[in-house]
């Protein structure tokens, strides 16, 4: 049994987002390996960020989704971040205290990562892995909720 905790950090609960998020996570639990406790926080991430995953599992398995996104807009980043959560849960993706990231045993320096442009960041192996999987999952979800 999985525990899905949805948090609205601005203290305004959006029931429609809550229902859709629960439905998507429940659907994905049939297809990907997620931790027993999943925290999804809706908060203002600014104009250029749709979502993020906490890579430090000592802080729980939490993803954040930009609260400014519409119902339709939140689907893709939610699926994307849940796939990163699966990577962390399966220990394919790890982060160290100094911010360095390890992907399947290969170390990536946090300072070099922070200097990358978006295009180069998208070519990192954990992003390539997510992008390979996300389109089929999005199709599965959209077909079901349409």
Foldseek 3Di string as FASTA:
>chain_A
DAAEAEAEVVPDDDVVLVVLLVVLVVVCVVPADADRYEYEYEDAPDDPDAKDWDQACVVPGYIYGHNPDDSVRNLQVSLLRRLVRRCSVVPQWHADPVGWIHGNRDIDDRVVQVPDDPVVNCVPPSNVVSVVPRVVSSVVSVVVVD
